[in-house]
Amino acid sequence: NKIDFVTEQVQKGNVSNSITATGTIEPVTEVEVGTQVSGIIDKIYIDY
């Protein structure tokens, strides 16, 4: 059988090791707005 030999040049590049994980995307700064008094919400001026 015919045998061909594959050659490649030694060249410069980047080599790295890594690990994998899963995570959740969050805003860097996120504030929860509440109220310190009990009562009925009368008006809301904002939405999502």
All heavy atoms as atom14 arrays in JSON, in Angstrom:
{
  "sequence": "NKIDFVTEQVQKGNVSNSITATGTIEPVTEVEVGTQVSGIIDKIYIDY",
  "atom14_mask": [
    [1, 1, 1, 1, 1, 1, 1, 1, 0, 0, 0, 0, 0, 0],
    [1, 1, 1, 1, 1, 1, 1, 1, 1, 0, 0, 0, 0, 0],
    [1, 1, 1, 1, 1, 1, 1, 1, 0, 0, 0, 0, 0, 0],
    [1, 1, 1, 1, 1, 1, 1, 1, 0, 0, 0, 0, 0, 0],
    [1, 1, 1, 1, 1, 1, 1, 1, 1, 1, 1, 0, 0, 0],
    [1, 1, 1, 1, 1, 1, 1, 0, 0, 0, 0, 0, 0, 0],
    [1, 1, 1, 1, 1, 1, 1, 0, 0, 0, 0, 0, 0, 0],
    [1, 1, 1, 1, 1, 1, 1, 1, 1, 0, 0, 0, 0, 0],
    [1, 1, 1, 1, 1, 1, 1, 1, 1, 0, 0, 0, 0, 0],
    [1, 1, 1, 1, 1, 1, 1, 0, 0, 0, 0, 0, 0, 0],
    [1, 1, 1, 1, 1, 1, 1, 1, 1, 0, 0, 0, 0, 0],
    [1, 1, 1, 1, 1, 1, 1, 1, 1, 0, 0, 0, 0, 0],
    [1, 1, 1, 1, 0, 0, 0, 0, 0, 0, 0, 0, 0, 0],
    [1, 1, 1, 1, 1, 1, 1, 1, 0, 0, 0, 0, 0, 0],
    [1, 1, 1, 1, 1, 1, 1, 0, 0, 0, 0, 0, 0, 0],
    [1, 1, 1, 1, 1, 1, 0, 0, 0, 0, 0, 0, 0, 0],
    [1, 1, 1, 1, 1, 1, 1, 1, 0, 0, 0, 0, 0, 0],
    [1, 1, 1, 1, 1, 1, 0, 0, 0, 0, 0, 0, 0, 0],
    [1, 1, 1, 1, 1, 1, 1, 1, 0, 0, 0, 0, 0, 0],
    [1, 1, 1, 1, 1, 1, 1, 0, 0, 0, 0, 0, 0, 0],
    [1, 1, 1, 1, 1, 0, 0, 0, 0, 0, 0, 0, 0, 0],
    [1, 1, 1, 1, 1, 1, 1, 0, 0, 0, 0, 0, 0, 0],
    [1, 1, 1, 1, 0, 0, 0, 0, 0, 0, 0, 0, 0, 0],
    [1, 1, 1, 1, 1, 1, 1, 0, 0, 0, 0, 0, 0, 0],
    [1, 1, 1, 1, 1, 1, 1, 1, 0, 0, 0, 0, 0, 0],
    [1, 1, 1, 1, 1, 1, 1, 1, 1, 0, 0, 0, 0, 0],
    [1, 1, 1, 1, 1, 1, 1, 0, 0, 0, 0, 0, 0, 0],
    [1, 1, 1, 1, 1, 1, 1, 0, 0, 0, 0, 0, 0, 0],
    [1, 1, 1, 1, 1, 1, 1, 0, 0, 0, 0, 0, 0, 0],
    [1, 1, 1, 1, 1, 1, 1, 1, 1, 0, 0, 0, 0, 0],
    [1, 1, 1, 1, 1, 1, 1, 0, 0, 0, 0, 0, 0, 0],
    [1, 1, 1, 1, 1, 1, 1, 1, 1, 0, 0, 0, 0, 0],
    [1, 1, 1, 1, 1, 1, 1, 0, 0, 0, 0, 0, 0, 0],
    [1, 1, 1, 1, 0, 0, 0, 0, 0, 0, 0, 0, 0, 0],
    [1, 1, 1, 1, 1, 1, 1, 0, 0, 0, 0, 0, 0, 0],
    [1, 1, 1, 1, 1, 1, 1, 1, 1, 0, 0, 0, 0, 0],
    [1, 1, 1, 1, 1, 1, 1, 0, 0, 0, 0, 0, 0, 0],
    [1, 1, 1, 1, 1, 1, 0, 0, 0, 0, 0, 0, 0, 0],
    [1, 1, 1, 1, 0, 0, 0, 0, 0, 0, 0, 0, 0, 0],
    [1, 1, 1, 1, 1, 1, 1, 1, 0, 0, 0, 0, 0, 0],
    [1, 1, 1, 1, 1, 1, 1, 1, 0, 0, 0, 0, 0, 0],
    [1, 1, 1, 1, 1, 1, 1, 1, 0, 0, 0, 0, 0, 0],
    [1, 1, 1, 1, 1, 1, 1, 1, 1, 0, 0, 0, 0, 0],
    [1, 1, 1, 1, 1, 1, 1, 1, 0, 0, 0, 0, 0, 0],
    [1, 1, 1, 1, 1, 1, 1, 1, 1, 1, 1, 1, 0, 0],
    [1, 1, 1, 1, 1, 1, 1, 1, 0, 0, 0, 0, 0, 0],
    [1, 1, 1, 1, 1, 1, 1, 1, 0, 0, 0, 0, 0, 0],
    [1, 1, 1, 1, 1, 1, 1, 1, 1, 1, 1, 1, 0, 0]
  ],
  "atom14_positions": [
    [[0.84, -1.18, 0.0], [0.0, 0.0, 0.0], [0.88, 1.24, 0.0], [1.98, 1.23, 0.54], [-0.9, 0.0, 1.24], [-1.83, -1.2, 1.27], [-2.66, -1.37, 0.39], [-1.66, -2.04, 2.28], [0.0, 0.0, 0.0], [0.0, 0.0, 0.0], [0.0, 0.0, 0.0], [0.0, 0.0, 0.0], [0.0, 0.0, 0.0], [0.0, 0.0, 0.0]],
    [[0.36, 2.31, -0.55], [1.11, 3.55, -0.6], [1.01, 4.26, 0.75], [-0.08, 4.43, 1.29], [0.56, 4.45, -1.7], [1.34, 5.75, -1.86], [0.76, 6.6, -2.96], [1.55, 7.9, -3.1], [0.99, 8.78, -4.14], [0.0, 0.0, 0.0], [0.0, 0.0, 0.0], [0.0, 0.0, 0.0], [0.0, 0.0, 0.0], [0.0, 0.0, 0.0]],
    [[2.13, 4.66, 1.31], [2.17, 5.33, 2.61], [2.69, 6.74, 2.4], [3.79, 6.94, 1.88], [3.06, 4.57, 3.6], [2.55, 3.14, 3.79], [3.1, 5.3, 4.94], [3.41, 2.3, 4.71], [0.0, 0.0, 0.0], [0.0, 0.0, 0.0], [0.0, 0.0, 0.0], [0.0, 0.0, 0.0], [0.0, 0.0, 0.0], [0.0, 0.0, 0.0]],
    [[1.87, 7.7, 2.82], [2.28, 9.11, 2.79], [2.53, 9.57, 4.22], [1.83, 9.19, 5.15], [1.2, 9.99, 2.16], [1.06, 9.73, 0.66], [2.03, 9.22, 0.07], [-0.02, 10.02, 0.12], [0.0, 0.0, 0.0], [0.0, 0.0, 0.0], [0.0, 0.0, 0.0], [0.0, 0.0, 0.0], [0.0, 0.0, 0.0], [0.0, 0.0, 0.0]],
    [[3.55, 10.4, 4.38], [3.9, 10.93, 5.69], [3.55, 12.41, 5.73], [4.0, 13.2, 4.91], [5.39, 10.71, 5.99], [5.76, 9.26, 6.11], [6.29, 8.58, 5.01], [5.55, 8.57, 7.28], [6.61, 7.25, 5.11], [5.89, 7.25, 7.39], [6.41, 6.57, 6.3], [0.0, 0.0, 0.0], [0.0, 0.0, 0.0], [0.0, 0.0, 0.0]],
    [[2.72, 12.77, 6.72], [2.28, 14.14, 6.87], [3.3, 14.9, 7.72], [3.72, 14.43, 8.78], [0.89, 14.21, 7.55], [0.45, 15.66, 7.72], [-0.13, 13.43, 6.74], [0.0, 0.0, 0.0], [0.0, 0.0, 0.0], [0.0, 0.0, 0.0], [0.0, 0.0, 0.0], [0.0, 0.0, 0.0], [0.0, 0.0, 0.0], [0.0, 0.0, 0.0]],
    [[3.71, 16.05, 7.23], [4.68, 16.87, 7.98], [4.07, 18.24, 8.27], [3.24, 18.74, 7.51], [5.99, 17.04, 7.19], [5.72, 17.7, 5.96], [6.64, 15.69, 6.93], [0.0, 0.0, 0.0], [0.0, 0.0, 0.0], [0.0, 0.0, 0.0], [0.0, 0.0, 0.0], [0.0, 0.0, 0.0], [0.0, 0.0, 0.0], [0.0, 0.0, 0.0]],
    [[4.5, 18.81, 9.36], [4.1, 20.17, 9.73], [5.31, 20.9, 10.26], [6.23, 20.29, 10.82], [2.99, 20.16, 10.78], [1.66, 19.65, 10.28], [0.55, 19.84, 11.3], [0.64, 20.82, 12.09], [-0.4, 19.04, 11.33], [0.0, 0.0, 0.0], [0.0, 0.0, 0.0], [0.0, 0.0, 0.0], [0.0, 0.0, 0.0], [0.0, 0.0, 0.0]],
    [[5.29, 22.22, 10.11], [6.4, 23.03, 10.59], [6.23, 23.35, 12.08], [5.12, 23.56, 12.56], [6.5, 24.34, 9.81], [7.05, 24.19, 8.41], [7.31, 25.54, 7.77], [6.9, 26.57, 8.27], [8.02, 25.54, 6.65], [0.0, 0.0, 0.0], [0.0, 0.0, 0.0], [0.0, 0.0, 0.0], [0.0, 0.0, 0.0], [0.0, 0.0, 0.0]],
    [[7.34, 23.36, 12.78], [7.35, 23.85, 14.16], [7.12, 25.36, 14.11], [7.88, 26.08, 13.45], [8.68, 23.52, 14.86], [8.69, 24.09, 16.28], [8.93, 22.03, 14.88], [0.0, 0.0, 0.0], [0.0, 0.0, 0.0], [0.0, 0.0, 0.0], [0.0, 0.0, 0.0], [0.0, 0.0, 0.0], [0.0, 0.0, 0.0], [0.0, 0.0, 0.0]],
    [[6.1, 25.83, 14.77], [5.78, 27.24, 14.7], [5.35, 27.77, 16.07], [5.07, 27.0, 16.98], [4.67, 27.49, 13.68], [3.4, 26.7, 13.94], [2.39, 26.86, 12.84], [2.6, 27.61, 11.89], [1.26, 26.17, 12.96], [0.0, 0.0, 0.0], [0.0, 0.0, 0.0], [0.0, 0.0, 0.0], [0.0, 0.0, 0.0], [0.0, 0.0, 0.0]],
    [[5.33, 29.09, 16.17], [4.94, 29.7, 17.43], [3.42, 29.83, 17.53], [2.74, 30.06, 16.53], [5.59, 31.08, 17.58], [7.1, 31.0, 17.81], [7.69, 32.36, 18.12], [9.17, 32.25, 18.45], [9.78, 33.55, 18.8], [0.0, 0.0, 0.0], [0.0, 0.0, 0.0], [0.0, 0.0, 0.0], [0.0, 0.0, 0.0], [0.0, 0.0, 0.0]],
    [[2.94, 29.66, 18.74], [1.51, 29.74, 18.98], [1.22, 29.83, 20.46], [2.13, 30.02, 21.28], [0.0, 0.0, 0.0], [0.0, 0.0, 0.0], [0.0, 0.0, 0.0], [0.0, 0.0, 0.0], [0.0, 0.0, 0.0], [0.0, 0.0, 0.0], [0.0, 0.0, 0.0], [0.0, 0.0, 0.0], [0.0, 0.0, 0.0], [0.0, 0.0, 0.0]],
    [[-0.02, 29.67, 20.81], [-0.46, 29.75, 22.2], [-0.91, 28.37, 22.68], [-1.59, 27.64, 21.95], [-1.61, 30.74, 22.36], [-1.22, 32.14, 21.94], [-0.04, 32.52, 21.98], [-2.19, 32.94, 21.52], [0.0, 0.0, 0.0], [0.0, 0.0, 0.0], [0.0, 0.0, 0.0], [0.0, 0.0, 0.0], [0.0, 0.0, 0.0], [0.0, 0.0, 0.0]],
    [[-0.53, 28.04, 23.9], [-0.94, 26.78, 24.52], [-1.53, 27.12, 25.88], [-0.97, 27.96, 26.61], [0.24, 25.8, 24.68], [-0.23, 24.49, 25.27], [0.91, 25.56, 23.33], [0.0, 0.0, 0.0], [0.0, 0.0, 0.0], [0.0, 0.0, 0.0], [0.0, 0.0, 0.0], [0.0, 0.0, 0.0], [0.0, 0.0, 0.0], [0.0, 0.0, 0.0]],
    [[-2.64, 26.49, 26.23], [-3.29, 26.82, 27.5], [-3.95, 25.59, 28.1], [-4.31, 24.65, 27.39], [-4.33, 27.92, 27.29], [-5.34, 27.48, 26.39], [0.0, 0.0, 0.0], [0.0, 0.0, 0.0], [0.0, 0.0, 0.0], [0.0, 0.0, 0.0], [0.0, 0.0, 0.0], [0.0, 0.0, 0.0], [0.0, 0.0, 0.0], [0.0, 0.0, 0.0]],
    [[-4.08, 25.64, 29.43], [-4.87, 24.67, 30.18], [-6.05, 25.4, 30.79], [-5.95, 26.58, 31.16], [-4.04, 24.0, 31.27], [-3.18, 22.88, 30.73], [-3.39, 22.42, 29.6], [-2.21, 22.42, 31.51], [0.0, 0.0, 0.0], [0.0, 0.0, 0.0], [0.0, 0.0, 0.0], [0.0, 0.0, 0.0], [0.0, 0.0, 0.0], [0.0, 0.0, 0.0]],
    [[-7.15, 24.71, 30.92], [-8.36, 25.37, 31.41], [-9.22, 24.4, 32.18], [-9.05, 23.19, 32.12], [-9.16, 25.96, 30.24], [-9.57, 24.93, 29.35], [0.0, 0.0, 0.0], [0.0, 0.0, 0.0], [0.0, 0.0, 0.0], [0.0, 0.0, 0.0], [0.0, 0.0, 0.0], [0.0, 0.0, 0.0], [0.0, 0.0, 0.0], [0.0, 0.0, 0.0]],
    [[-10.17, 24.98, 32.93], [-11.2, 24.2, 33.61], [-12.55, 24.74, 33.18], [-12.65, 25.87, 32.67], [-11.07, 24.29, 35.15], [-11.24, 25.74, 35.62], [-9.74, 23.74, 35.61], [-11.36, 25.87, 37.12], [0.0, 0.0, 0.0], [0.0, 0.0, 0.0], [0.0, 0.0, 0.0], [0.0, 0.0, 0.0], [0.0, 0.0, 0.0], [0.0, 0.0, 0.0]],
    [[-13.59, 23.95, 33.36], [-14.92, 24.37, 32.97], [-15.84, 24.4, 34.18], [-15.64, 23.69, 35.17], [-15.51, 23.43, 31.91], [-15.54, 22.09, 32.43], [-14.67, 23.46, 30.64], [0.0, 0.0, 0.0], [0.0, 0.0, 0.0], [0.0, 0.0, 0.0], [0.0, 0.0, 0.0], [0.0, 0.0, 0.0], [0.0, 0.0, 0.0], [0.0, 0.0, 0.0]],
    [[-16.85, 25.26, 34.09], [-17.84, 25.39, 35.16], [-19.09, 26.02, 34.58], [-19.1, 26.46, 33.42], [-17.29, 26.24, 36.32], [0.0, 0.0, 0.0], [0.0, 0.0, 0.0], [0.0, 0.0, 0.0], [0.0, 0.0, 0.0], [0.0, 0.0, 0.0], [0.0, 0.0, 0.0], [0.0, 0.0, 0.0], [0.0, 0.0, 0.0], [0.0, 0.0, 0.0]],
    [[-20.13, 26.04, 35.36], [-21.36, 26.73, 34.97], [-21.64, 27.84, 35.97], [-21.24, 27.76, 37.13], [-22.56, 25.76, 34.93], [-22.72, 25.14, 36.21], [-22.34, 24.69, 33.87], [0.0, 0.0, 0.0], [0.0, 0.0, 0.0], [0.0, 0.0, 0.0], [0.0, 0.0, 0.0], [0.0, 0.0, 0.0], [0.0, 0.0, 0.0], [0.0, 0.0, 0.0]],
    [[-22.31, 28.86, 35.5], [-22.61, 29.99, 36.37], [-23.84, 30.74, 35.92], [-24.48, 30.39, 34.92], [0.0, 0.0, 0.0], [0.0, 0.0, 0.0], [0.0, 0.0, 0.0], [0.0, 0.0, 0.0], [0.0, 0.0, 0.0], [0.0, 0.0, 0.0], [0.0, 0.0, 0.0], [0.0, 0.0, 0.0], [0.0, 0.0, 0.0], [0.0, 0.0, 0.0]],
    [[-24.15, 31.8, 36.64], [-25.31, 32.63, 36.35], [-24.87, 34.06, 36.12], [-24.03, 34.58, 36.86], [-26.31, 32.58, 37.52], [-26.67, 31.23, 37.78], [-27.56, 33.37, 37.19], [0.0, 0.0, 0.0], [0.0, 0.0, 0.0], [0.0, 0.0, 0.0], [0.0, 0.0, 0.0], [0.0, 0.0, 0.0], [0.0, 0.0, 0.0], [0.0, 0.0, 0.0]],
    [[-25.42, 34.69, 35.11], [-25.08, 36.07, 34.78], [-25.91, 37.01, 35.65], [-27.14, 36.87, 35.76], [-25.32, 36.35, 33.29], [-24.38, 35.48, 32.45], [-25.15, 37.82, 32.96], [-24.59, 35.59, 30.97], [0.0, 0.0, 0.0], [0.0, 0.0, 0.0], [0.0, 0.0, 0.0], [0.0, 0.0, 0.0], [0.0, 0.0, 0.0], [0.0, 0.0, 0.0]],
    [[-25.22, 37.96, 36.28], [-25.87, 38.93, 37.16], [-25.34, 40.33, 36.85], [-24.21, 40.49, 36.39], [-25.56, 38.61, 38.64], [-25.95, 37.21, 39.07], [-27.44, 37.05, 39.28], [-28.15, 38.09, 39.19], [-27.89, 35.93, 39.52], [0.0, 0.0, 0.0], [0.0, 0.0, 0.0], [0.0, 0.0, 0.0], [0.0, 0.0, 0.0], [0.0, 0.0, 0.0]],
    [[-26.16, 41.36, 37.09], [-25.63, 42.73, 36.99], [-24.58, 42.97, 38.07], [-24.64, 42.38, 39.15], [-26.87, 43.6, 37.23], [-28.05, 42.71, 36.97], [-27.61, 41.34, 37.35], [0.0, 0.0, 0.0], [0.0, 0.0, 0.0], [0.0, 0.0, 0.0], [0.0, 0.0, 0.0], [0.0, 0.0, 0.0], [0.0, 0.0, 0.0], [0.0, 0.0, 0.0]],
    [[-23.62, 43.83, 37.78], [-22.57, 44.12, 38.76], [-23.18, 44.78, 39.99], [-22.87, 44.43, 41.13], [-21.49, 45.03, 38.14], [-20.48, 45.46, 39.18], [-20.8, 44.3, 36.99], [0.0, 0.0, 0.0], [0.0, 0.0, 0.0], [0.0, 0.0, 0.0], [0.0, 0.0, 0.0], [0.0, 0.0, 0.0], [0.0, 0.0, 0.0], [0.0, 0.0, 0.0]],
    [[-24.09, 45.74, 39.79], [-24.78, 46.41, 40.89], [-26.28, 46.26, 40.69], [-26.82, 46.68, 39.66], [-24.41, 47.9, 40.96], [-23.0, 48.04, 41.1], [-25.09, 48.58, 42.13], [0.0, 0.0, 0.0], [0.0, 0.0, 0.0], [0.0, 0.0, 0.0], [0.0, 0.0, 0.0], [0.0, 0.0, 0.0], [0.0, 0.0, 0.0], [0.0, 0.0, 0.0]],
    [[-26.93, 45.66, 41.66], [-28.38, 45.45, 41.59], [-28.97, 45.74, 42.96], [-28.5, 45.22, 43.97], [-28.68, 44.02, 41.16], [-30.12, 43.78, 40.77], [-30.32, 42.4, 40.19], [-29.79, 41.43, 40.76], [-31.01, 42.28, 39.16], [0.0, 0.0, 0.0], [0.0, 0.0, 0.0], [0.0, 0.0, 0.0], [0.0, 0.0, 0.0], [0.0, 0.0, 0.0]],
    [[-29.99, 46.6, 43.0], [-30.58, 47.06, 44.26], [-32.04, 46.63, 44.32], [-32.79, 46.82, 43.35], [-30.46, 48.59, 44.39], [-31.12, 49.07, 45.69], [-29.01, 49.03, 44.34], [0.0, 0.0, 0.0], [0.0, 0.0, 0.0], [0.0, 0.0, 0.0], [0.0, 0.0, 0.0], [0.0, 0.0, 0.0], [0.0, 0.0, 0.0], [0.0, 0.0, 0.0]],
    [[-32.43, 46.07, 45.46], [-33.82, 45.75, 45.71], [-34.48, 46.91, 46.44], [-34.02, 47.34, 47.5], [-33.94, 44.47, 46.53], [-33.46, 43.23, 45.79], [-33.6, 41.97, 46.62], [-33.83, 42.09, 47.86], [-33.5, 40.87, 46.06], [0.0, 0.0, 0.0], [0.0, 0.0, 0.0], [0.0, 0.0, 0.0], [0.0, 0.0, 0.0], [0.0, 0.0, 0.0]],
    [[-35.56, 47.42, 45.87], [-36.27, 48.57, 46.43], [-37.5, 48.06, 47.17], [-38.31, 47.31, 46.6], [-36.67, 49.56, 45.34], [-37.37, 50.77, 45.94], [-35.46, 50.0, 44.54], [0.0, 0.0, 0.0], [0.0, 0.0, 0.0], [0.0, 0.0, 0.0], [0.0, 0.0, 0.0], [0.0, 0.0, 0.0], [0.0, 0.0, 0.0], [0.0, 0.0, 0.0]],
    [[-37.64, 48.47, 48.43], [-38.79, 48.05, 49.24], [-39.42, 49.22, 49.95], [-39.2, 50.39, 49.61], [0.0, 0.0, 0.0], [0.0, 0.0, 0.0], [0.0, 0.0, 0.0], [0.0, 0.0, 0.0], [0.0, 0.0, 0.0], [0.0, 0.0, 0.0], [0.0, 0.0, 0.0], [0.0, 0.0, 0.0], [0.0, 0.0, 0.0], [0.0, 0.0, 0.0]],
    [[-40.23, 48.92, 50.94], [-40.88, 49.95, 51.75], [-40.84, 49.53, 53.21], [-40.91, 48.34, 53.53], [-42.33, 50.17, 51.31], [-42.94, 51.14, 52.18], [-43.13, 48.89, 51.38], [0.0, 0.0, 0.0], [0.0, 0.0, 0.0], [0.0, 0.0, 0.0], [0.0, 0.0, 0.0], [0.0, 0.0, 0.0], [0.0, 0.0, 0.0], [0.0, 0.0, 0.0]],
    [[-40.72, 50.52, 54.07], [-40.63, 50.25, 55.5], [-41.95, 50.48, 56.22], [-42.01, 50.39, 57.45], [-39.54, 51.13, 56.12], [-38.16, 50.86, 55.56], [-37.08, 51.62, 56.31], [-37.11, 51.74, 57.52], [-36.12, 52.14, 55.57], [0.0, 0.0, 0.0], [0.0, 0.0, 0.0], [0.0, 0.0, 0.0], [0.0, 0.0, 0.0], [0.0, 0.0, 0.0]],
    [[-43.01, 50.78, 55.47], [-44.33, 50.97, 56.09], [-45.33, 50.04, 55.4], [-45.17, 49.68, 54.23], [-44.8, 52.44, 55.98], [-43.91, 53.34, 56.8], [-44.84, 52.9, 54.52], [0.0, 0.0, 0.0], [0.0, 0.0, 0.0], [0.0, 0.0, 0.0], [0.0, 0.0, 0.0], [0.0, 0.0, 0.0], [0.0, 0.0, 0.0], [0.0, 0.0, 0.0]],
    [[-46.34, 49.67, 56.13], [-47.41, 48.83, 55.59], [-48.49, 49.71, 54.99], [-48.73, 50.84, 55.45], [-48.0, 47.96, 56.69], [-47.01, 47.12, 57.26], [0.0, 0.0, 0.0], [0.0, 0.0, 0.0], [0.0, 0.0, 0.0], [0.0, 0.0, 0.0], [0.0, 0.0, 0.0], [0.0, 0.0, 0.0], [0.0, 0.0, 0.0], [0.0, 0.0, 0.0]],
    [[-49.14, 49.18, 53.94], [-50.2, 49.95, 53.33], [-50.56, 49.41, 51.96], [-50.16, 48.3, 51.58], [0.0, 0.0, 0.0], [0.0, 0.0, 0.0], [0.0, 0.0, 0.0], [0.0, 0.0, 0.0], [0.0, 0.0, 0.0], [0.0, 0.0, 0.0], [0.0, 0.0, 0.0], [0.0, 0.0, 0.0], [0.0, 0.0, 0.0], [0.0, 0.0, 0.0]],
    [[-51.31, 50.2, 51.22], [-51.79, 49.81, 49.89], [-51.02, 50.6, 48.84], [-50.82, 51.81, 48.97], [-53.3, 50.09, 49.76], [-54.08, 49.27, 50.8], [-53.78, 49.76, 48.36], [-55.56, 49.57, 50.83], [0.0, 0.0, 0.0], [0.0, 0.0, 0.0], [0.0, 0.0, 0.0], [0.0, 0.0, 0.0], [0.0, 0.0, 0.0], [0.0, 0.0, 0.0]],
    [[-50.56, 49.89, 47.8], [-49.87, 50.55, 46.69], [-50.9, 51.35, 45.9], [-51.85, 50.79, 45.33], [-49.17, 49.53, 45.78], [-48.14, 48.72, 46.57], [-48.51, 50.24, 44.6], [-47.0, 49.52, 47.11], [0.0, 0.0, 0.0], [0.0, 0.0, 0.0], [0.0, 0.0, 0.0], [0.0, 0.0, 0.0], [0.0, 0.0, 0.0], [0.0, 0.0, 0.0]],
    [[-50.75, 52.66, 45.89], [-51.72, 53.54, 45.24], [-51.4, 53.74, 43.77], [-52.27, 53.59, 42.9], [-51.75, 54.88, 45.97], [-52.88, 55.78, 45.48], [-53.88, 55.23, 44.98], [-52.75, 57.01, 45.6], [0.0, 0.0, 0.0], [0.0, 0.0, 0.0], [0.0, 0.0, 0.0], [0.0, 0.0, 0.0], [0.0, 0.0, 0.0], [0.0, 0.0, 0.0]],
    [[-50.14, 54.09, 43.46], [-49.75, 54.35, 42.07], [-48.37, 53.77, 41.79], [-47.49, 53.8, 42.66], [-49.75, 55.86, 41.78], [-51.12, 56.51, 41.86], [-51.03, 57.99, 41.55], [-52.42, 58.65, 41.64], [-52.33, 60.11, 41.38], [0.0, 0.0, 0.0], [0.0, 0.0, 0.0], [0.0, 0.0, 0.0], [0.0, 0.0, 0.0], [0.0, 0.0, 0.0]],
    [[-48.19, 53.27, 40.58], [-46.9, 52.79, 40.1], [-46.58, 53.52, 38.8], [-47.39, 53.54, 37.87], [-46.91, 51.26, 39.87], [-47.14, 50.53, 41.21], [-45.6, 50.8, 39.24], [-47.22, 49.02, 41.07], [0.0, 0.0, 0.0], [0.0, 0.0, 0.0], [0.0, 0.0, 0.0], [0.0, 0.0, 0.0], [0.0, 0.0, 0.0], [0.0, 0.0, 0.0]],
    [[-45.4, 54.11, 38.74], [-45.04, 54.95, 37.6], [-44.04, 54.29, 36.65], [-43.65, 54.9, 35.65], [-44.44, 56.27, 38.1], [-45.38, 57.05, 38.97], [-45.19, 57.12, 40.35], [-46.48, 57.72, 38.43], [-46.05, 57.84, 41.17], [-47.35, 58.45, 39.24], [-47.13, 58.49, 40.61], [-48.0, 59.2, 41.42], [0.0, 0.0, 0.0], [0.0, 0.0, 0.0]],
    [[-43.61, 53.08, 36.94], [-42.6, 52.41, 36.11], [-43.07, 51.01, 35.77], [-44.07, 50.51, 36.3], [-41.23, 52.33, 36.82], [-41.38, 51.53, 38.13], [-40.67, 53.71, 37.07], [-40.07, 51.21, 38.8], [0.0, 0.0, 0.0], [0.0, 0.0, 0.0], [0.0, 0.0, 0.0], [0.0, 0.0, 0.0], [0.0, 0.0, 0.0], [0.0, 0.0, 0.0]],
    [[-42.33, 50.38, 34.85], [-42.61, 48.99, 34.47], [-41.28, 48.31, 34.2], [-40.21, 48.9, 34.37], [-43.5, 48.96, 33.23], [-44.25, 47.64, 33.08], [-43.93, 46.7, 33.83], [-45.15, 47.56, 32.23], [0.0, 0.0, 0.0], [0.0, 0.0, 0.0], [0.0, 0.0, 0.0], [0.0, 0.0, 0.0], [0.0, 0.0, 0.0], [0.0, 0.0, 0.0]],
    [[-41.35, 47.06, 33.79], [-40.13, 46.35, 33.43], [-39.36, 47.13, 32.35], [-39.96, 47.71, 31.44], [-40.46, 44.95, 32.89], [-40.91, 43.96, 33.93], [-42.26, 43.77, 34.19], [-39.99, 43.21, 34.65], [-42.68, 42.86, 35.15], [-40.4, 42.29, 35.61], [-41.74, 42.12, 35.85], [-42.16, 41.22, 36.8], [0.0, 0.0, 0.0], [0.0, 0.0, 0.0]]
  ]
}
